[in-house]
Amino acid sequence: MSDLKDDLNIDKFSLDIEWEKQSQLYLKYSEMLAEYETRRDKLKDLIEVEKAEIEKEIREFPEEYGLKAKPTEGSIKAVVSTDKKIKKMKKKYFQFIKQSKIWGALVKSLDHKKKALENLTQLHLAGYYSTPNHSLNNKYVKENSEEIRKKQNGNLKRNWRKK
């Protein structure tokens, strides 16, 4: 599970690498989602086939299942739903549903990662992560600015007098 979380993390100082990985990660997890959804759907079909076979057998040999010669639909359904094989298959089916939802959430998270990468790229282009300039509130900068201003004014006065 830590690999999944690592794949969702963003290194904001390596946006180029993050962008290169994004499409590969999306494909990887989308394929996993498709795999689990396919397994889930196949198992659902198998459950339906198994139920039909059990119902057919109950209708042919109701006494073997402790039912009367002509069982009702309700009693047949009750026997089918309590069958050990059906219970086991349903348990596995629900595990596939859960896993499909997890992979689906991960794919959705990768969509969110893409949006975050877009926003971080915009911040980077706007200079958000650049080296900060010295503030004018800095005493050193103020002193040097004042000296530079005095020199410039002195040079302007001398040049003015020459004309």
Protein backbone atom coordinates (compact mmCIF):
# COMPACT_ATOMS: atom_id res chain seq x y z
CA MET A 1 0.00 0.00 0.00
CA SER A 2 2.94 2.34 0.57
CA ASP A 3 3.84 2.11 -3.14
CA LEU A 4 0.37 3.38 -3.97
CA LYS A 5 0.74 6.34 -1.63
CA ASP A 6 4.25 7.03 -2.96
CA ASP A 7 2.84 7.13 -6.48
CA LEU A 8 0.40 9.82 -5.38
CA ASN A 9 3.06 11.99 -3.72
CA ILE A 10 4.41 14.95 -5.69
CA ASP A 11 7.97 16.23 -5.58
CA LYS A 12 7.33 19.88 -6.35
CA PHE A 13 11.01 20.41 -7.14
CA SER A 14 11.00 17.70 -9.85
CA LEU A 15 7.89 18.61 -11.80
CA ASP A 16 9.39 17.42 -15.07
CA ILE A 17 9.89 13.91 -13.67
CA GLU A 18 6.45 13.94 -12.06
CA TRP A 19 4.84 14.85 -15.39
CA GLU A 20 6.76 12.08 -17.15
CA LYS A 21 5.54 9.50 -14.61
CA GLN A 22 1.92 10.69 -14.50
CA SER A 23 0.62 9.09 -17.68
CA GLN A 24 2.41 5.81 -16.95
CA LEU A 25 0.93 5.66 -13.45
CA TYR A 26 -2.53 6.44 -14.75
CA LEU A 27 -2.28 3.65 -17.31
CA LYS A 28 -0.91 1.18 -14.74
CA TYR A 29 -3.71 1.73 -12.25
CA SER A 30 -6.42 1.96 -14.90
CA GLU A 31 -5.34 -1.45 -16.16
CA MET A 32 -5.49 -2.83 -12.60
CA LEU A 33 -8.99 -1.39 -12.23
CA ALA A 34 -10.07 -2.98 -15.51
CA GLU A 35 -8.56 -6.31 -14.42
CA TYR A 36 -10.50 -6.39 -11.14
CA GLU A 37 -13.73 -5.24 -12.76
CA THR A 38 -13.37 -8.01 -15.36
CA ARG A 39 -12.71 -10.62 -12.67
CA ARG A 40 -15.69 -9.35 -10.69
CA ASP A 41 -18.00 -9.54 -13.70
CA LYS A 42 -16.80 -13.03 -14.65
CA LEU A 43 -17.35 -14.24 -11.10
CA LYS A 44 -20.84 -12.73 -11.10
CA ASP A 45 -21.63 -14.71 -14.23
CA LEU A 46 -20.24 -17.88 -12.66
CA ILE A 47 -22.40 -17.34 -9.59
CA GLU A 48 -25.50 -17.02 -11.78
CA VAL A 49 -24.61 -20.24 -13.63
CA GLU A 50 -23.97 -22.07 -10.36
CA LYS A 51 -27.30 -20.86 -8.96
CA ALA A 52 -29.11 -22.05 -12.08
CA GLU A 53 -27.48 -25.47 -11.83
CA ILE A 54 -28.41 -25.82 -8.16
CA GLU A 55 -32.00 -24.72 -8.86
CA LYS A 56 -32.24 -27.27 -11.66
CA GLU A 57 -30.90 -29.99 -9.39
CA ILE A 58 -33.35 -29.03 -6.62
CA ARG A 59 -36.26 -29.24 -9.04
CA GLU A 60 -35.14 -32.67 -10.23
CA PHE A 61 -34.27 -34.11 -6.81
CA PRO A 62 -36.04 -31.99 -4.13
CA GLU A 63 -35.89 -34.79 -1.55
CA GLU A 64 -32.06 -34.62 -1.50
CA TYR A 65 -32.37 -31.05 -0.28
CA GLY A 66 -35.05 -31.84 2.32
CA LEU A 67 -37.90 -30.39 0.28
CA LYS A 68 -41.30 -31.72 -0.81
CA ALA A 69 -41.90 -33.33 -4.16
CA LYS A 70 -42.97 -29.98 -5.64
CA PRO A 71 -40.87 -27.24 -3.97
CA THR A 72 -41.91 -23.58 -4.05
CA GLU A 73 -39.78 -20.84 -5.60
CA GLY A 74 -39.17 -19.39 -2.14
CA SER A 75 -37.87 -22.68 -0.77
CA ILE A 76 -35.63 -23.16 -3.81
CA LYS A 77 -34.17 -19.65 -3.43
CA ALA A 78 -33.61 -20.29 0.28
CA VAL A 79 -31.67 -23.48 -0.43
CA VAL A 80 -29.62 -21.77 -3.15
CA SER A 81 -28.71 -18.76 -0.99
CA THR A 82 -27.57 -21.03 1.87
CA ASP A 83 -25.46 -23.25 -0.38
CA LYS A 84 -21.82 -23.31 0.81
CA LYS A 85 -20.38 -22.98 -2.67
CA ILE A 86 -22.59 -19.97 -3.46
CA LYS A 87 -21.67 -18.33 -0.15
CA LYS A 88 -17.97 -18.81 -0.87
CA MET A 89 -18.33 -17.42 -4.40
CA LYS A 90 -20.30 -14.40 -3.13
CA LYS A 91 -17.65 -13.68 -0.51
CA LYS A 92 -15.01 -13.63 -3.23
CA TYR A 93 -17.30 -11.51 -5.41
CA PHE A 94 -17.59 -8.88 -2.69
CA GLN A 95 -13.81 -8.87 -2.30
CA PHE A 96 -13.53 -8.09 -6.01
CA ILE A 97 -16.08 -5.30 -5.62
CA LYS A 98 -14.06 -3.82 -2.76
CA GLN A 99 -10.82 -4.10 -4.69
CA SER A 100 -12.41 -2.52 -7.77
CA LYS A 101 -13.56 0.42 -5.66
CA ILE A 102 -10.05 0.85 -4.23
CA TRP A 103 -8.50 0.86 -7.71
CA GLY A 104 -11.21 3.23 -8.90
CA ALA A 105 -10.44 5.61 -6.04
CA LEU A 106 -6.76 5.43 -6.90
CA VAL A 107 -7.41 6.28 -10.53
CA LYS A 108 -9.54 9.21 -9.38
CA SER A 109 -6.70 10.29 -7.08
CA LEU A 110 -4.38 10.30 -10.07
CA ASP A 111 -6.80 12.73 -11.75
CA HIS A 112 -6.41 14.94 -8.68
CA LYS A 113 -2.63 14.55 -8.86
CA LYS A 114 -2.74 15.71 -12.48
CA LYS A 115 -4.64 18.84 -11.44
CA ALA A 116 -2.16 19.44 -8.62
CA LEU A 117 0.72 19.10 -11.08
CA GLU A 118 -0.94 21.61 -13.39
CA ASN A 119 -1.32 24.08 -10.53
CA LEU A 120 2.24 23.55 -9.28
CA THR A 121 3.54 24.06 -12.81
CA GLN A 122 1.65 27.36 -13.00
CA LEU A 123 3.16 28.41 -9.66
CA HIS A 124 6.60 27.46 -10.91
CA LEU A 125 6.15 29.44 -14.11
CA ALA A 126 4.99 32.43 -12.09
CA GLY A 127 8.21 32.32 -10.06
CA TYR A 128 6.66 31.03 -6.84
CA TYR A 129 9.59 28.70 -6.17
CA SER A 130 12.33 31.11 -7.27
CA THR A 131 14.96 32.53 -4.93
CA PRO A 132 13.46 35.42 -2.99
CA ASN A 133 14.72 38.94 -3.67
CA HIS A 134 16.05 41.00 -0.80
CA SER A 135 13.36 43.03 0.82
CA LEU A 136 13.70 46.80 1.14
CA ASN A 137 13.05 46.31 4.85
CA ASN A 138 16.46 44.67 5.13
CA LYS A 139 18.86 47.10 6.84
CA TYR A 140 21.81 46.16 4.62
CA VAL A 141 19.79 46.72 1.46
CA LYS A 142 18.51 50.08 2.77
CA GLU A 143 22.02 51.30 3.57
CA ASN A 144 23.42 50.26 0.20
CA SER A 145 20.41 51.70 -1.62
CA GLU A 146 20.94 55.01 0.12
CA GLU A 147 24.64 55.06 -0.82
CA ILE A 148 23.85 54.20 -4.42
CA ARG A 149 21.17 56.92 -4.53
CA LYS A 150 23.64 59.53 -3.18
CA LYS A 151 26.27 58.55 -5.76
CA GLN A 152 23.73 58.75 -8.56
CA ASN A 153 22.55 62.19 -7.38
CA GLY A 154 26.16 63.38 -7.16
CA ASN A 155 26.87 62.18 -10.69
CA LEU A 156 23.71 63.86 -11.97
CA LYS A 157 24.68 67.18 -10.31
CA ARG A 158 28.19 67.06 -11.81
CA ASN A 159 26.85 66.24 -15.25
CA TRP A 160 24.27 69.01 -14.91
CA ARG A 161 26.93 71.56 -14.05
CA LYS A 162 29.04 70.55 -17.03
CA LYS A 163 26.26 71.47 -19.42
